[in-house]
Amino acid sequence: MRPQVKWHRSFRFAYEGVKYALATQRNMKFHFFAAFVVLVMALFFRLHKLEILFILLAVTMMIVTELINTAVEKAVDLAMPDRHPLAKIAKDVAAASVLVSAAFAAIVGMIVFYEPVDRLFRNVKGQEGPVFSAGMIWILLCLVALTVIVVETRFSSGGKRVQPSLLSALAFAVATFIACYATITFIALLAYLLAFLVMMVLYDKRKRGFPALLLGAVIGSFVSVLAYYLVHI
């Protein structure tokens, strides 16, 4: 007869499972980062109770399905180390559950955060801002590229290099420029969505790691916003 596991040990085993998935699965790292950003935004915009419940539901579904997907992958690898059509189907179906939960989370995020972001965007655009000329835009893009190069070369020491993604930085810089021109919130959100898709394509192609892509996005957005306010002054 199998001995019973004490409840506190079962919690420890579950915690070990979460730590393993977070340490070994790159998608889990992205899910935890996205959950952190979304929860911070929920506090910033002071969402209502029902909206927070939907956010928590979406975050929970993302993490749970990724945990189940990891468990299925490891169990299939143990049972069938070699390639097999049924093993592929099991992994594909488990990955499909993550995709469905990701789509649900994206839809929830767009519905919940659209109105608060729209109000914030309209308040910012209510103040008259500078108009960028074509020459200024190219100069600012060059500044973004130079900033990425300086960060990559200046902070390299001991064999470890900080390598922000140049393409990610330029994509988010362009999205920021569009947001500065746009008077409709939806257009600005679409610009950032396209920049995010560029970052995800680079991530999927394994050209750069997620920290490098995120750092590039932060640099591109920061330099663009800084230039916007400098011109405004």
C-alpha atoms as a PDB file:
ATOM      1  CA  MET A   1       0.000   0.000   0.000  1.00  0.00           C
ATOM      2  CA  ARG A   2       1.378   3.382  -0.990  1.00  0.00           C
ATOM      3  CA  PRO A   3       2.202   5.585   2.032  1.00  0.00           C
ATOM      4  CA  GLN A   4       0.250   8.818   2.332  1.00  0.00           C
ATOM      5  CA  VAL A   5       2.105  12.062   1.707  1.00  0.00           C
ATOM      6  CA  LYS A   6       1.699  14.697   4.360  1.00  0.00           C
ATOM      7  CA  TRP A   7      -0.070  17.833   3.217  1.00  0.00           C
ATOM      8  CA  HIS A   8       2.883  20.156   3.873  1.00  0.00           C
ATOM      9  CA  ARG A   9       5.160  17.884   1.813  1.00  0.00           C
ATOM     10  CA  SER A  10       2.639  17.902  -1.036  1.00  0.00           C
ATOM     11  CA  PHE A  11       2.775  21.696  -1.045  1.00  0.00           C
ATOM     12  CA  ARG A  12       6.570  21.501  -1.190  1.00  0.00           C
ATOM     13  CA  PHE A  13       6.432  19.076  -4.120  1.00  0.00           C
ATOM     14  CA  ALA A  14       4.032  21.413  -5.946  1.00  0.00           C
ATOM     15  CA  TYR A  15       6.334  24.354  -5.278  1.00  0.00           C
ATOM     16  CA  GLU A  16       9.256  22.357  -6.674  1.00  0.00           C
ATOM     17  CA  GLY A  17       7.200  21.755  -9.809  1.00  0.00           C
ATOM     18  CA  VAL A  18       6.564  25.460 -10.268  1.00  0.00           C
ATOM     19  CA  LYS A  19      10.258  26.230  -9.734  1.00  0.00           C
ATOM     20  CA  TYR A  20      11.281  23.588 -12.269  1.00  0.00           C
ATOM     21  CA  ALA A  21       8.905  24.904 -14.924  1.00  0.00           C
ATOM     22  CA  LEU A  22      10.029  28.475 -14.296  1.00  0.00           C
ATOM     23  CA  ALA A  23      13.718  27.544 -14.450  1.00  0.00           C
ATOM     24  CA  THR A  24      13.573  25.346 -17.545  1.00  0.00           C
ATOM     25  CA  GLN A  25      10.663  26.560 -19.686  1.00  0.00           C
ATOM     26  CA  ARG A  26      11.205  29.857 -21.486  1.00  0.00           C
ATOM     27  CA  ASN A  27       7.461  30.254 -22.113  1.00  0.00           C
ATOM     28  CA  MET A  28       6.811  30.026 -18.370  1.00  0.00           C
ATOM     29  CA  LYS A  29       9.305  32.838 -17.780  1.00  0.00           C
ATOM     30  CA  PHE A  30       7.410  34.985 -20.267  1.00  0.00           C
ATOM     31  CA  HIS A  31       4.076  34.124 -18.637  1.00  0.00           C
ATOM     32  CA  PHE A  32       5.335  35.139 -15.185  1.00  0.00           C
ATOM     33  CA  PHE A  33       6.748  38.401 -16.550  1.00  0.00           C
ATOM     34  CA  ALA A  34       3.504  39.176 -18.393  1.00  0.00           C
ATOM     35  CA  ALA A  35       1.497  38.384 -15.258  1.00  0.00           C
ATOM     36  CA  PHE A  36       3.674  40.757 -13.223  1.00  0.00           C
ATOM     37  CA  VAL A  37       3.219  43.572 -15.765  1.00  0.00           C
ATOM     38  CA  VAL A  38      -0.536  43.022 -15.993  1.00  0.00           C
ATOM     39  CA  LEU A  39      -1.013  43.017 -12.226  1.00  0.00           C
ATOM     40  CA  VAL A  40       1.029  46.215 -11.878  1.00  0.00           C
ATOM     41  CA  MET A  41      -1.137  47.820 -14.578  1.00  0.00           C
ATOM     42  CA  ALA A  42      -4.255  46.695 -12.738  1.00  0.00           C
ATOM     43  CA  LEU A  43      -3.031  48.516  -9.627  1.00  0.00           C
ATOM     44  CA  PHE A  44      -2.011  51.582 -11.636  1.00  0.00           C
ATOM     45  CA  PHE A  45      -5.388  51.925 -13.360  1.00  0.00           C
ATOM     46  CA  ARG A  46      -7.309  50.961 -10.191  1.00  0.00           C
ATOM     47  CA  LEU A  47      -9.505  48.434 -11.924  1.00  0.00           C
ATOM     48  CA  HIS A  48     -12.815  47.352 -10.457  1.00  0.00           C
ATOM     49  CA  LYS A  49     -13.282  44.067  -8.630  1.00  0.00           C
ATOM     50  CA  LEU A  50     -14.900  42.235 -11.554  1.00  0.00           C
ATOM     51  CA  GLU A  51     -12.153  43.309 -13.965  1.00  0.00           C
ATOM     52  CA  ILE A  52      -9.468  42.178 -11.512  1.00  0.00           C
ATOM     53  CA  LEU A  53     -11.192  38.791 -11.228  1.00  0.00           C
ATOM     54  CA  PHE A  54     -11.068  38.360 -15.008  1.00  0.00           C
ATOM     55  CA  ILE A  55      -7.381  39.336 -15.013  1.00  0.00           C
ATOM     56  CA  LEU A  56      -6.609  36.816 -12.264  1.00  0.00           C
ATOM     57  CA  LEU A  57      -8.585  34.152 -14.122  1.00  0.00           C
ATOM     58  CA  ALA A  58      -6.636  34.753 -17.325  1.00  0.00           C
ATOM     59  CA  VAL A  59      -3.281  34.721 -15.512  1.00  0.00           C
ATOM     60  CA  THR A  60      -4.187  31.533 -13.642  1.00  0.00           C
ATOM     61  CA  MET A  61      -5.283  29.779 -16.825  1.00  0.00           C
ATOM     62  CA  MET A  62      -2.028  30.712 -18.573  1.00  0.00           C
ATOM     63  CA  ILE A  63       0.169  29.383 -15.768  1.00  0.00           C
ATOM     64  CA  VAL A  64      -1.904  26.229 -15.172  1.00  0.00           C
ATOM     65  CA  THR A  65      -2.016  25.241 -18.844  1.00  0.00           C
ATOM     66  CA  GLU A  66       1.734  25.836 -19.190  1.00  0.00           C
ATOM     67  CA  LEU A  67       2.351  23.612 -16.146  1.00  0.00           C
ATOM     68  CA  ILE A  68       0.144  20.890 -17.617  1.00  0.00           C
ATOM     69  CA  ASN A  69       1.893  21.251 -20.975  1.00  0.00           C
ATOM     70  CA  THR A  70       5.294  20.807 -19.293  1.00  0.00           C
ATOM     71  CA  ALA A  71       4.071  17.748 -17.396  1.00  0.00           C
ATOM     72  CA  VAL A  72       2.681  16.160 -20.578  1.00  0.00           C
ATOM     73  CA  GLU A  73       5.908  16.825 -22.489  1.00  0.00           C
ATOM     74  CA  LYS A  74       8.081  15.216 -19.796  1.00  0.00           C
ATOM     75  CA  ALA A  75       5.752  12.229 -19.414  1.00  0.00           C
ATOM     76  CA  VAL A  76       5.702  11.648 -23.174  1.00  0.00           C
ATOM     77  CA  ASP A  77       9.495  11.959 -23.381  1.00  0.00           C
ATOM     78  CA  LEU A  78       9.823   9.371 -20.613  1.00  0.00           C
ATOM     79  CA  ALA A  79       7.360   6.929 -22.193  1.00  0.00           C
ATOM     80  CA  MET A  80       8.453   7.461 -25.795  1.00  0.00           C
ATOM     81  CA  PRO A  81      12.014   8.800 -26.150  1.00  0.00           C
ATOM     82  CA  ASP A  82      11.950   8.212 -29.924  1.00  0.00           C
ATOM     83  CA  ARG A  83       9.767  10.037 -32.407  1.00  0.00           C
ATOM     84  CA  HIS A  84       6.254   8.682 -32.675  1.00  0.00           C
ATOM     85  CA  PRO A  85       3.079  10.125 -34.298  1.00  0.00           C
ATOM     86  CA  LEU A  86       1.012   9.622 -31.143  1.00  0.00           C
ATOM     87  CA  ALA A  87       3.667  11.291 -28.989  1.00  0.00           C
ATOM     88  CA  LYS A  88       3.608  14.278 -31.350  1.00  0.00           C
ATOM     89  CA  ILE A  89      -0.177  14.466 -31.130  1.00  0.00           C
ATOM     90  CA  ALA A  90      -0.054  14.435 -27.327  1.00  0.00           C
ATOM     91  CA  LYS A  91       2.475  17.275 -27.265  1.00  0.00           C
ATOM     92  CA  ASP A  92       0.614  19.273 -29.919  1.00  0.00           C
ATOM     93  CA  VAL A  93      -2.703  19.007 -28.082  1.00  0.00           C
ATOM     94  CA  ALA A  94      -1.084  20.040 -24.808  1.00  0.00           C
ATOM     95  CA  ALA A  95       0.509  23.024 -26.555  1.00  0.00           C
ATOM     96  CA  ALA A  96      -2.877  23.876 -28.083  1.00  0.00           C
ATOM     97  CA  SER A  97      -4.330  24.264 -24.596  1.00  0.00           C
ATOM     98  CA  VAL A  98      -1.667  26.890 -23.872  1.00  0.00           C
ATOM     99  CA  LEU A  99      -2.532  28.656 -27.133  1.00  0.00           C
ATOM    100  CA  VAL A 100      -6.239  28.772 -26.269  1.00  0.00           C
ATOM    101  CA  SER A 101      -5.557  30.167 -22.795  1.00  0.00           C
ATOM    102  CA  ALA A 102      -3.143  32.727 -24.305  1.00  0.00           C
ATOM    103  CA  ALA A 103      -5.820  33.878 -26.750  1.00  0.00           C
ATOM    104  CA  PHE A 104      -8.307  34.176 -23.888  1.00  0.00           C
ATOM    105  CA  ALA A 105      -5.795  36.194 -21.829  1.00  0.00           C
ATOM    106  CA  ALA A 106      -5.096  38.508 -24.767  1.00  0.00           C
ATOM    107  CA  ILE A 107      -8.805  39.135 -25.337  1.00  0.00           C
ATOM    108  CA  VAL A 108      -9.387  39.791 -21.633  1.00  0.00           C
ATOM    109  CA  GLY A 109      -6.461  42.211 -21.545  1.00  0.00           C
ATOM    110  CA  MET A 110      -7.684  44.146 -24.581  1.00  0.00           C
ATOM    111  CA  ILE A 111     -11.214  44.417 -23.205  1.00  0.00           C
ATOM    112  CA  VAL A 112     -10.260  45.303 -19.629  1.00  0.00           C
ATOM    113  CA  PHE A 113      -7.428  47.735 -20.301  1.00  0.00           C
ATOM    114  CA  TYR A 114      -8.769  49.484 -23.397  1.00  0.00           C
ATOM    115  CA  GLU A 115     -10.890  52.097 -21.632  1.00  0.00           C
ATOM    116  CA  PRO A 116      -8.276  53.025 -18.961  1.00  0.00           C
ATOM    117  CA  VAL A 117      -5.551  53.248 -21.605  1.00  0.00           C
ATOM    118  CA  ASP A 118      -7.871  55.280 -23.823  1.00  0.00           C
ATOM    119  CA  ARG A 119      -8.534  57.785 -21.033  1.00  0.00           C
ATOM    120  CA  LEU A 120      -4.815  58.081 -20.266  1.00  0.00           C
ATOM    121  CA  PHE A 121      -3.974  58.487 -23.951  1.00  0.00           C
ATOM    122  CA  ARG A 122      -6.597  61.194 -24.463  1.00  0.00           C
ATOM    123  CA  ASN A 123      -5.357  63.107 -21.413  1.00  0.00           C
ATOM    124  CA  VAL A 124      -1.799  63.023 -22.734  1.00  0.00           C
ATOM    125  CA  LYS A 125      -2.826  63.962 -26.262  1.00  0.00           C
ATOM    126  CA  GLY A 126      -4.986  66.764 -24.901  1.00  0.00           C
ATOM    127  CA  GLN A 127      -1.793  68.747 -24.453  1.00  0.00           C
ATOM    128  CA  GLU A 128      -0.416  70.149 -27.683  1.00  0.00           C
ATOM    129  CA  GLY A 129       2.799  68.342 -28.586  1.00  0.00           C
ATOM    130  CA  PRO A 130       5.552  68.931 -31.117  1.00  0.00           C
ATOM    131  CA  VAL A 131       5.314  67.767 -34.701  1.00  0.00           C
ATOM    132  CA  PHE A 132       8.133  65.527 -35.864  1.00  0.00           C
ATOM    133  CA  SER A 133       9.542  66.223 -39.291  1.00  0.00           C
ATOM    134  CA  ALA A 134      10.864  63.438 -41.498  1.00  0.00           C
ATOM    135  CA  GLY A 135      14.447  64.491 -40.752  1.00  0.00           C
ATOM    136  CA  MET A 136      13.836  64.452 -37.002  1.00  0.00           C
ATOM    137  CA  ILE A 137      12.385  60.957 -37.177  1.00  0.00           C
ATOM    138  CA  TRP A 138      15.467  59.630 -38.947  1.00  0.00           C
ATOM    139  CA  ILE A 139      17.706  61.407 -36.448  1.00  0.00           C
ATOM    140  CA  LEU A 140      15.807  59.843 -33.555  1.00  0.00           C
ATOM    141  CA  LEU A 141      16.047  56.391 -35.144  1.00  0.00           C
ATOM    142  CA  CYS A 142      19.796  56.904 -35.439  1.00  0.00           C
ATOM    143  CA  LEU A 143      19.888  57.906 -31.771  1.00  0.00           C
ATOM    144  CA  VAL A 144      18.081  54.701 -30.853  1.00  0.00           C
ATOM    145  CA  ALA A 145      20.555  52.635 -32.868  1.00  0.00           C
ATOM    146  CA  LEU A 146      23.528  54.453 -31.329  1.00  0.00           C
ATOM    147  CA  THR A 147      22.109  53.957 -27.832  1.00  0.00           C
ATOM    148  CA  VAL A 148      21.783  50.222 -28.418  1.00  0.00           C
ATOM    149  CA  ILE A 149      25.374  50.045 -29.704  1.00  0.00           C
ATOM    150  CA  VAL A 150      26.701  52.063 -26.763  1.00  0.00           C
ATOM    151  CA  VAL A 151      24.837  49.903 -24.219  1.00  0.00           C
ATOM    152  CA  GLU A 152      26.085  46.738 -25.900  1.00  0.00           C
ATOM    153  CA  THR A 153      29.730  47.859 -26.002  1.00  0.00           C
ATOM    154  CA  ARG A 154      29.961  49.938 -22.829  1.00  0.00           C
ATOM    155  CA  PHE A 155      28.589  47.299 -20.451  1.00  0.00           C
ATOM    156  CA  SER A 156      30.558  44.328 -21.765  1.00  0.00           C
ATOM    157  CA  SER A 157      33.045  43.017 -19.232  1.00  0.00           C
ATOM    158  CA  GLY A 158      34.329  39.699 -17.968  1.00  0.00           C
ATOM    159  CA  GLY A 159      33.144  37.859 -21.081  1.00  0.00           C
ATOM    160  CA  LYS A 160      29.526  38.791 -20.367  1.00  0.00           C
ATOM    161  CA  ARG A 161      27.868  41.236 -22.691  1.00  0.00           C
ATOM    162  CA  VAL A 162      24.630  43.110 -22.498  1.00  0.00           C
ATOM    163  CA  GLN A 163      23.133  42.583 -25.938  1.00  0.00           C
ATOM    164  CA  PRO A 164      19.911  44.519 -26.495  1.00  0.00           C
ATOM    165  CA  SER A 165      18.117  43.726 -29.730  1.00  0.00           C
ATOM    166  CA  LEU A 166      18.485  46.484 -32.313  1.00  0.00           C
ATOM    167  CA  LEU A 167      15.441  45.369 -34.312  1.00  0.00           C
ATOM    168  CA  SER A 168      13.291  45.282 -31.190  1.00  0.00           C
ATOM    169  CA  ALA A 169      14.497  48.772 -30.222  1.00  0.00           C
ATOM    170  CA  LEU A 170      13.727  50.181 -33.674  1.00  0.00           C
ATOM    171  CA  ALA A 171      10.306  48.498 -33.777  1.00  0.00           C
ATOM    172  CA  PHE A 172       9.238  50.026 -30.459  1.00  0.00           C
ATOM    173  CA  ALA A 173      10.768  53.383 -31.414  1.00  0.00           C
ATOM    174  CA  VAL A 174       8.618  53.460 -34.563  1.00  0.00           C
ATOM    175  CA  ALA A 175       5.580  52.431 -32.511  1.00  0.00           C
ATOM    176  CA  THR A 176       6.256  55.311 -30.129  1.00  0.00           C
ATOM    177  CA  PHE A 177       6.510  57.764 -33.027  1.00  0.00           C
ATOM    178  CA  ILE A 178       3.162  56.560 -34.337  1.00  0.00           C
ATOM    179  CA  ALA A 179       1.664  56.936 -30.866  1.00  0.00           C
ATOM    180  CA  CYS A 180       2.955  60.522 -30.747  1.00  0.00           C
ATOM    181  CA  TYR A 181       1.193  61.340 -34.027  1.00  0.00           C
ATOM    182  CA  ALA A 182      -1.985  59.338 -33.499  1.00  0.00           C
ATOM    183  CA  THR A 183      -5.066  60.965 -32.072  1.00  0.00           C
ATOM    184  CA  ILE A 184      -6.962  57.666 -31.800  1.00  0.00           C
ATOM    185  CA  THR A 185      -5.975  55.250 -29.065  1.00  0.00           C
ATOM    186  CA  PHE A 186      -6.678  52.181 -31.186  1.00  0.00           C
ATOM    187  CA  ILE A 187      -4.089  53.241 -33.767  1.00  0.00           C
ATOM    188  CA  ALA A 188      -1.421  53.633 -31.091  1.00  0.00           C
ATOM    189  CA  LEU A 189      -2.285  50.224 -29.646  1.00  0.00           C
ATOM    190  CA  LEU A 190      -2.043  48.630 -33.087  1.00  0.00           C
ATOM    191  CA  ALA A 191       1.403  50.184 -33.549  1.00  0.00           C
ATOM    192  CA  TYR A 192       2.627  48.679 -30.294  1.00  0.00           C
ATOM    193  CA  LEU A 193       0.952  45.373 -31.165  1.00  0.00           C
ATOM    194  CA  LEU A 194       2.948  45.235 -34.409  1.00  0.00           C
ATOM    195  CA  ALA A 195       6.142  46.042 -32.502  1.00  0.00           C
ATOM    196  CA  PHE A 196       5.309  43.276 -30.027  1.00  0.00           C
ATOM    197  CA  LEU A 197       4.739  40.842 -32.898  1.00  0.00           C
ATOM    198  CA  VAL A 198       8.167  41.727 -34.312  1.00  0.00           C
ATOM    199  CA  MET A 199       9.662  40.967 -30.912  1.00  0.00           C
ATOM    200  CA  MET A 200       7.807  37.640 -30.732  1.00  0.00           C
ATOM    201  CA  VAL A 201       8.979  36.647 -34.235  1.00  0.00           C
ATOM    202  CA  LEU A 202      12.585  37.305 -33.207  1.00  0.00           C
ATOM    203  CA  TYR A 203      11.988  35.351 -30.024  1.00  0.00           C
ATOM    204  CA  ASP A 204      10.432  32.440 -31.905  1.00  0.00           C
ATOM    205  CA  LYS A 205      13.341  32.327 -34.372  1.00  0.00           C
ATOM    206  CA  ARG A 206      15.723  32.177 -31.378  1.00  0.00           C
ATOM    207  CA  LYS A 207      17.708  35.081 -32.778  1.00  0.00           C
ATOM    208  CA  ARG A 208      17.911  36.687 -29.322  1.00  0.00           C
ATOM    209  CA  GLY A 209      16.818  35.777 -25.846  1.00  0.00           C
ATOM    210  CA  PHE A 210      13.799  37.403 -24.260  1.00  0.00           C
ATOM    211  CA  PRO A 211      15.873  39.662 -21.936  1.00  0.00           C
ATOM    212  CA  ALA A 212      17.748  41.052 -24.951  1.00  0.00           C
ATOM    213  CA  LEU A 213      14.480  41.692 -26.812  1.00  0.00           C
ATOM    214  CA  LEU A 214      12.884  43.293 -23.765  1.00  0.00           C
ATOM    215  CA  LEU A 215      15.917  45.499 -23.159  1.00  0.00           C
ATOM    216  CA  GLY A 216      15.832  46.615 -26.787  1.00  0.00           C
ATOM    217  CA  ALA A 217      12.138  47.453 -26.494  1.00  0.00           C
ATOM    218  CA  VAL A 218      12.760  49.474 -23.328  1.00  0.00           C
ATOM    219  CA  ILE A 219      15.637  51.377 -24.952  1.00  0.00           C
ATOM    220  CA  GLY A 220      13.646  52.170 -28.083  1.00  0.00           C
ATOM    221  CA  SER A 221      10.614  53.364 -26.146  1.00  0.00           C
ATOM    222  CA  PHE A 222      12.642  55.306 -23.566  1.00  0.00           C
ATOM    223  CA  VAL A 223      14.787  57.171 -26.107  1.00  0.00           C
ATOM    224  CA  SER A 224      11.711  58.031 -28.169  1.00  0.00           C
ATOM    225  CA  VAL A 225       9.741  59.334 -25.187  1.00  0.00           C
ATOM    226  CA  LEU A 226      12.774  61.284 -23.960  1.00  0.00           C
ATOM    227  CA  ALA A 227      13.223  62.864 -27.400  1.00  0.00           C
ATOM    228  CA  TYR A 228       9.522  63.722 -27.518  1.00  0.00           C
ATOM    229  CA  TYR A 229       9.668  65.635 -24.258  1.00  0.00           C
ATOM    230  CA  LEU A 230      12.963  67.325 -25.154  1.00  0.00           C
ATOM    231  CA  VAL A 231      11.444  68.622 -28.368  1.00  0.00           C
ATOM    232  CA  HIS A 232       8.330  69.636 -26.453  1.00  0.00           C
ATOM    233  CA  ILE A 233      10.423  71.731 -24.064  1.00  0.00           C
END
